[in-house]
Amino acid sequence: MDSHPVSTSKTSNLAQAIAEMLSKAVIGQQAVIEQLLVGVLARGHVLMEGVPGVAKTLLVRGMGQCLGLEFKRVQLTPDLMPSDILGTYVFDFTTKEFHLRKGPIFTTLLLADEINRAPAKTQSALLEGMQERQVTIEGVTYPLDDNFTVFATQNPIEYEGTYPLPEAQLDRFLLKVIVDYPTAEEEDELLARVNRGFDAQRLQEAGVAPVITAAELNECRQEILGVNAEEAVLHYIGEIIRRTRDSGQLVLGCSPRAALMLLQAAKALAAMHGSDFLTPDDVKSIAPAVLRHRLILRPEADIEGLVPDDIIQNILASVPVPR
């Protein structure tokens, strides 16, 4: 298929403006920034995996600042209760009535730090909010912000004292983004920047400011809905998903929801690249982030040292690309 044309679409302008603005706070991580933005634009939640200290929190705080959206952070621990996230009713002695003291889930961007450290009951408290954008507290349902997005982090190397996310909850995340170490040049630039006085806790002083309004964000989402996907590309997405179910290296392949999310994320990526049509390259580019947390490897594949990304790349190489 033809490559994307150069475009001045609102979505592509937004993507460029945010990348430039975030570069004032975060050095490098361009692929991560692009994937986080896909999550926001596609109205999906994002699971971020990386060792401590690779700027996961800074990336989300910076993204919230660029988008002008309310941001809250909750540090998940083994003793955290669902009410610590959702909120609880307290008695007001003045009015003689109970009123809701809202928890941190009542925000637009929620950073759930170390989500796999929270017990299952607390993890599941996030589920309704992630899926329905509403929460139920003592039988009463409360709507969340229409742009409510969860960015959750987990550490890939610490398993002691953690509660691995069940498949049902992993499936609620649109993307799983791997945040890796910076390059040597980027790390040296980070040291130089901090030496000059940069403070990650003071993003406004670094010049990080909103570049878009909530109304403009919704316009971008409408633009993404208008991205055209030809029947051949839709079949290509479906075939990728079906190959995961047929793989002898996997215990569990991907569900139809994964196909829908792959389409959703690929269309957002196409719009960010300035196109009004979807190409197989868009699908291939975002497929690892959409699929890697939905696959369960057979023990034999695990013993061989394979990871989900290896299986995904093998599948992408085997599925005929439409022309």
Protein backbone atom coordinates (compact mmCIF):
# COMPACT_ATOMS: atom_id res chain seq x y z
CA MET A 1 0.00 0.00 0.00
CA ASP A 2 1.00 3.62 -0.45
CA SER A 3 2.88 5.34 2.32
CA HIS A 4 1.12 8.03 4.34
CA PRO A 5 0.84 11.48 2.76
CA VAL A 6 2.19 14.54 4.53
CA SER A 7 -0.72 16.10 6.39
CA THR A 8 -1.52 19.04 8.62
CA SER A 9 -4.32 17.21 10.47
CA LYS A 10 -5.17 18.30 14.00
CA THR A 11 -4.11 14.91 15.40
CA SER A 12 -0.69 14.91 13.75
CA ASN A 13 -0.11 18.51 14.87
CA LEU A 14 -1.06 17.50 18.42
CA ALA A 15 1.32 14.54 18.41
CA GLN A 16 4.20 16.73 17.25
CA ALA A 17 3.41 19.52 19.72
CA ILE A 18 3.23 17.12 22.67
CA ALA A 19 6.48 15.38 21.71
CA GLU A 20 8.23 18.75 21.52
CA MET A 21 6.73 19.93 24.81
CA LEU A 22 7.56 16.68 26.64
CA SER A 23 11.16 16.87 25.43
CA LYS A 24 11.56 19.77 27.89
CA ALA A 25 11.08 17.27 30.72
CA VAL A 26 11.93 13.83 29.30
CA ILE A 27 15.01 13.01 27.25
CA GLY A 28 14.49 10.41 24.53
CA GLN A 29 11.72 7.77 24.95
CA GLN A 30 10.12 8.91 21.68
CA ALA A 31 8.53 5.51 20.99
CA VAL A 32 7.10 5.42 24.52
CA ILE A 33 5.68 8.94 24.18
CA GLU A 34 4.04 7.97 20.89
CA GLN A 35 2.46 4.87 22.45
CA LEU A 36 1.21 6.78 25.51
CA LEU A 37 -0.40 9.30 23.18
CA VAL A 38 -2.02 6.48 21.20
CA GLY A 39 -3.55 5.34 24.50
CA VAL A 40 -4.95 8.79 25.30
CA LEU A 41 -6.28 9.45 21.79
CA ALA A 42 -7.80 5.98 21.45
CA ARG A 43 -9.45 6.32 24.89
CA GLY A 44 -7.59 3.28 26.18
CA HIS A 45 -5.67 2.47 29.35
CA VAL A 46 -1.95 1.83 29.35
CA LEU A 47 0.20 -0.59 31.38
CA MET A 48 3.81 0.61 31.61
CA GLU A 49 6.54 -1.88 32.48
CA GLY A 50 10.05 -0.83 33.39
CA VAL A 51 12.56 -0.85 36.21
CA PRO A 52 12.37 1.97 38.78
CA GLY A 53 13.93 5.25 37.73
CA VAL A 54 13.30 5.25 33.96
CA ALA A 55 10.87 8.23 34.10
CA LYS A 56 7.53 6.36 34.01
CA THR A 57 5.90 8.76 36.49
CA LEU A 58 7.50 11.78 34.85
CA LEU A 59 6.17 10.72 31.44
CA VAL A 60 2.59 10.51 32.73
CA ARG A 61 2.80 13.75 34.73
CA GLY A 62 4.26 15.49 31.70
CA MET A 63 1.54 14.08 29.45
CA GLY A 64 -1.15 15.36 31.81
CA GLN A 65 0.50 18.78 31.86
CA CYS A 66 0.69 18.91 28.06
CA LEU A 67 -2.97 17.92 27.71
CA GLY A 68 -4.10 20.26 30.48
CA LEU A 69 -5.84 17.35 32.24
CA GLU A 70 -6.19 16.69 35.97
CA PHE A 71 -3.61 14.18 37.18
CA LYS A 72 -3.52 12.08 40.35
CA ARG A 73 -1.13 9.38 41.49
CA VAL A 74 -1.76 6.49 43.86
CA GLN A 75 1.01 4.26 45.19
CA LEU A 76 -0.38 0.74 45.38
CA THR A 77 0.70 -1.39 48.33
CA PRO A 78 -0.31 -4.83 49.71
CA ASP A 79 -2.43 -3.21 52.46
CA LEU A 80 -4.31 -0.79 50.19
CA MET A 81 -8.09 -1.17 50.39
CA PRO A 82 -10.60 -0.57 47.56
CA SER A 83 -11.98 2.42 49.50
CA ASP A 84 -8.49 3.99 49.38
CA ILE A 85 -8.95 4.26 45.61
CA LEU A 86 -12.71 4.73 45.23
CA GLY A 87 -13.46 6.80 48.32
CA THR A 88 -15.72 6.32 51.31
CA TYR A 89 -18.74 7.85 53.03
CA VAL A 90 -18.01 9.99 56.10
CA PHE A 91 -20.47 11.45 58.58
CA ASP A 92 -20.76 15.22 58.74
CA PHE A 93 -21.70 16.19 62.30
CA THR A 94 -22.79 19.64 61.13
CA THR A 95 -25.37 18.48 58.59
CA LYS A 96 -26.01 15.13 60.33
CA GLU A 97 -25.59 13.43 56.94
CA PHE A 98 -23.14 11.12 55.25
CA HIS A 99 -21.28 12.45 52.23
CA LEU A 100 -18.78 10.89 49.86
CA ARG A 101 -15.13 11.67 50.31
CA LYS A 102 -13.94 10.89 46.80
CA GLY A 103 -10.81 8.82 46.25
CA PRO A 104 -8.06 9.41 43.69
CA ILE A 105 -9.99 7.54 40.96
CA PHE A 106 -12.05 10.71 40.53
CA THR A 107 -9.63 12.38 38.16
CA THR A 108 -8.84 12.42 34.44
CA LEU A 109 -5.41 10.78 34.34
CA LEU A 110 -4.73 8.28 37.11
CA LEU A 111 -1.24 6.89 37.62
CA ALA A 112 -1.54 3.57 39.48
CA ASP A 113 2.06 3.00 40.55
CA GLU A 114 3.14 -0.64 40.99
CA ILE A 115 -0.34 -2.01 40.32
CA ASN A 116 0.83 -5.60 40.85
CA ARG A 117 1.61 -4.84 44.51
CA ALA A 118 -2.07 -4.33 45.33
CA PRO A 119 -4.22 -7.33 46.36
CA ALA A 120 -6.81 -8.69 43.94
CA LYS A 121 -9.77 -6.95 45.60
CA THR A 122 -8.11 -3.55 45.20
CA GLN A 123 -7.02 -4.29 41.63
CA SER A 124 -10.60 -5.21 40.77
CA ALA A 125 -11.82 -1.90 42.23
CA LEU A 126 -10.19 -0.28 39.21
CA LEU A 127 -11.91 -2.64 36.76
CA GLU A 128 -15.33 -1.02 36.65
CA GLY A 129 -13.80 2.43 36.29
CA MET A 130 -11.52 1.27 33.47
CA GLN A 131 -14.27 -0.56 31.58
CA GLU A 132 -17.37 1.56 32.23
CA ARG A 133 -15.87 4.91 33.30
CA GLN A 134 -18.00 4.76 36.40
CA VAL A 135 -17.63 3.37 39.92
CA THR A 136 -20.13 1.92 42.38
CA ILE A 137 -19.68 2.76 46.06
CA GLU A 138 -22.07 1.15 48.54
CA GLY A 139 -24.66 0.59 45.82
CA VAL A 140 -24.50 4.11 44.37
CA THR A 141 -23.01 4.60 40.89
CA TYR A 142 -20.88 7.66 40.19
CA PRO A 143 -19.71 8.65 36.69
CA LEU A 144 -16.03 9.34 36.09
CA ASP A 145 -14.56 11.95 33.77
CA ASP A 146 -15.31 11.14 30.13
CA ASN A 147 -11.54 11.26 29.43
CA PHE A 148 -10.67 9.03 32.41
CA THR A 149 -7.49 7.12 31.61
CA VAL A 150 -5.43 4.77 33.78
CA PHE A 151 -1.67 4.59 33.39
CA ALA A 152 -0.49 1.69 35.53
CA THR A 153 3.13 0.74 36.17
CA GLN A 154 4.75 -2.50 37.18
CA ASN A 155 8.31 -3.58 37.86
CA PRO A 156 9.42 -6.47 35.60
CA ILE A 157 12.01 -7.91 37.97
CA GLU A 158 10.46 -7.88 41.45
CA TYR A 159 7.95 -10.66 42.07
CA GLU A 160 8.21 -11.04 45.85
CA GLY A 161 5.20 -9.44 47.54
CA THR A 162 3.36 -8.92 44.25
CA TYR A 163 -0.01 -10.07 42.94
CA PRO A 164 0.20 -10.72 39.19
CA LEU A 165 -2.66 -9.11 37.27
CA PRO A 166 -5.28 -11.67 36.17
CA GLU A 167 -5.93 -12.09 32.44
CA ALA A 168 -9.32 -10.38 32.72
CA GLN A 169 -7.72 -7.21 34.05
CA LEU A 170 -4.74 -7.29 31.69
CA ASP A 171 -7.21 -7.47 28.82
CA ARG A 172 -8.68 -4.09 29.88
CA PHE A 173 -5.41 -2.34 29.00
CA LEU A 174 -5.24 -1.15 25.41
CA LEU A 175 -1.43 -1.18 25.43
CA LYS A 176 1.47 -2.59 27.40
CA VAL A 177 4.39 -0.23 26.91
CA ILE A 178 7.97 -1.24 27.70
CA VAL A 179 9.98 1.64 29.16
CA ASP A 180 13.65 0.82 28.73
CA TYR A 181 16.91 2.42 29.82
CA PRO A 182 18.02 5.56 27.94
CA THR A 183 20.94 5.44 25.52
CA ALA A 184 24.38 6.50 26.74
CA GLU A 185 23.98 9.88 25.01
CA GLU A 186 20.54 10.43 26.54
CA GLU A 187 21.78 9.51 30.01
CA ASP A 188 24.69 11.94 29.70
CA GLU A 189 22.29 14.68 28.58
CA LEU A 190 20.08 13.90 31.59
CA LEU A 191 23.02 14.36 33.95
CA ALA A 192 23.95 17.64 32.25
CA ARG A 193 20.36 18.89 32.42
CA VAL A 194 20.03 18.13 36.14
CA ASN A 195 23.44 19.69 36.73
CA ARG A 196 22.07 22.88 35.13
CA GLY A 197 19.20 22.91 37.66
CA PHE A 198 16.37 20.88 36.11
CA ASP A 199 13.89 19.64 38.73
CA ALA A 200 11.48 16.89 37.66
CA GLN A 201 9.03 17.99 40.38
CA ARG A 202 8.69 21.47 38.84
CA LEU A 203 7.56 20.88 35.27
CA GLN A 204 6.08 24.34 34.86
CA GLU A 205 9.47 25.90 35.60
CA ALA A 206 10.88 23.69 32.81
CA GLY A 207 8.34 25.23 30.44
CA VAL A 208 5.97 22.25 30.18
CA ALA A 209 2.53 23.75 29.49
CA PRO A 210 -0.82 22.68 27.96
CA VAL A 211 -0.82 22.55 24.17
CA ILE A 212 -4.44 21.47 23.64
CA THR A 213 -7.88 21.86 25.22
CA ALA A 214 -10.32 19.08 26.13
CA ALA A 215 -12.54 20.17 23.22
CA GLU A 216 -9.63 19.89 20.78
CA LEU A 217 -8.76 16.46 22.19
CA ASN A 218 -12.29 15.30 21.39
CA GLU A 219 -11.94 16.74 17.86
CA CYS A 220 -8.83 14.59 17.41
CA ARG A 221 -10.76 11.53 18.54
CA GLN A 222 -13.44 12.27 15.96
CA GLU A 223 -10.70 12.58 13.35
CA ILE A 224 -9.40 9.13 14.37
CA LEU A 225 -12.88 7.62 13.98
CA GLY A 226 -12.85 8.94 10.43
CA VAL A 227 -9.65 7.08 9.50
CA ASN A 228 -10.61 4.69 6.70
CA ALA A 229 -9.71 0.99 7.00
CA GLU A 230 -10.11 -1.02 3.81
CA GLU A 231 -11.52 -4.54 3.94
CA ALA A 232 -8.11 -6.05 3.13
CA VAL A 233 -6.52 -4.33 6.15
CA LEU A 234 -9.39 -5.43 8.41
CA HIS A 235 -8.85 -9.01 7.25
CA TYR A 236 -5.11 -8.58 7.92
CA ILE A 237 -5.86 -7.56 11.54
CA GLY A 238 -8.23 -10.51 11.97
CA GLU A 239 -5.68 -12.95 10.55
CA ILE A 240 -2.99 -11.75 12.98
CA ILE A 241 -5.34 -12.34 15.91
CA ARG A 242 -6.39 -15.78 14.65
CA ARG A 243 -2.76 -16.85 14.23
CA THR A 244 -2.18 -16.23 17.96
CA ARG A 245 -4.91 -18.78 18.74
CA ASP A 246 -3.33 -21.35 16.41
CA SER A 247 0.23 -20.92 17.69
CA GLY A 248 1.68 -24.07 19.23
CA GLN A 249 3.86 -21.88 21.48
CA LEU A 250 0.92 -20.29 23.27
CA VAL A 251 -1.49 -21.58 25.90
CA LEU A 252 -3.81 -18.65 25.25
CA GLY A 253 -4.18 -16.50 22.16
CA CYS A 254 -6.07 -13.25 21.66
CA SER A 255 -9.81 -12.63 21.91
CA PRO A 256 -11.99 -10.59 19.52
CA ARG A 257 -11.53 -7.66 21.93
CA ALA A 258 -7.83 -7.70 21.05
CA ALA A 259 -8.73 -7.34 17.35
CA LEU A 260 -10.94 -4.35 18.11
CA MET A 261 -8.23 -2.75 20.23
CA LEU A 262 -5.60 -3.35 17.55
CA LEU A 263 -7.84 -1.59 15.03
CA GLN A 264 -8.52 1.24 17.46
CA ALA A 265 -4.83 1.79 18.29
CA ALA A 266 -3.67 1.48 14.67
CA LYS A 267 -6.20 4.10 13.53
CA ALA A 268 -4.97 6.48 16.24
CA LEU A 269 -1.38 5.91 15.10
CA ALA A 270 -2.33 6.53 11.45
CA ALA A 271 -3.99 9.83 12.39
CA MET A 272 -0.94 10.83 14.44
CA HIS A 273 1.16 10.23 11.33
CA GLY A 274 -1.13 12.57 9.41
CA SER A 275 -3.11 10.02 7.42
CA ASP A 276 -6.83 9.49 6.91
CA PHE A 277 -6.41 5.83 5.96
CA LEU A 278 -4.98 2.77 7.69
CA THR A 279 -2.03 0.80 6.32
CA PRO A 280 -0.57 -2.60 7.33
CA ASP A 281 2.52 -0.72 8.56
CA ASP A 282 0.40 1.07 11.18
CA VAL A 283 -0.93 -2.30 12.33
CA LYS A 284 2.52 -3.92 12.47
CA SER A 285 4.02 -0.94 14.30
CA ILE A 286 1.53 -0.95 17.20
CA ALA A 287 0.76 -4.71 17.32
CA PRO A 288 3.41 -5.66 19.92
CA ALA A 289 2.15 -3.07 22.41
CA VAL A 290 -1.48 -4.15 21.89
CA LEU A 291 -0.88 -7.92 22.02
CA ARG A 292 2.10 -8.69 24.28
CA HIS A 293 0.09 -8.71 27.55
CA ARG A 294 -2.68 -10.88 26.10
CA LEU A 295 -0.54 -13.93 25.33
CA ILE A 296 0.32 -16.79 27.67
CA LEU A 297 3.34 -18.85 26.60
CA ARG A 298 3.54 -22.61 26.93
CA PRO A 299 6.13 -23.76 29.52
CA GLU A 300 8.33 -25.19 26.72
CA ALA A 301 8.49 -21.81 24.96
CA ASP A 302 9.26 -20.13 28.27
CA ILE A 303 12.10 -22.57 28.94
CA GLU A 304 13.53 -21.80 25.49
CA GLY A 305 13.77 -18.15 26.57
CA LEU A 306 11.05 -16.88 24.25
CA VAL A 307 8.98 -13.83 25.20
CA PRO A 308 5.59 -12.71 23.80
CA ASP A 309 7.26 -10.20 21.46
CA ASP A 310 9.14 -13.08 19.76
CA ILE A 311 5.86 -14.86 19.05
CA ILE A 312 4.25 -11.64 17.79
CA GLN A 313 7.13 -10.94 15.39
CA ASN A 314 6.96 -14.52 14.06
CA ILE A 315 3.22 -14.13 13.44
CA LEU A 316 3.65 -10.73 11.76
CA ALA A 317 6.31 -12.27 9.51
CA SER A 318 4.02 -15.15 8.56
CA VAL A 319 0.80 -13.29 7.76
CA PRO A 320 0.63 -12.11 4.11
CA VAL A 321 0.59 -8.30 3.92
CA PRO A 322 -2.21 -6.90 1.70
CA ARG A 323 -1.07 -4.84 -1.25
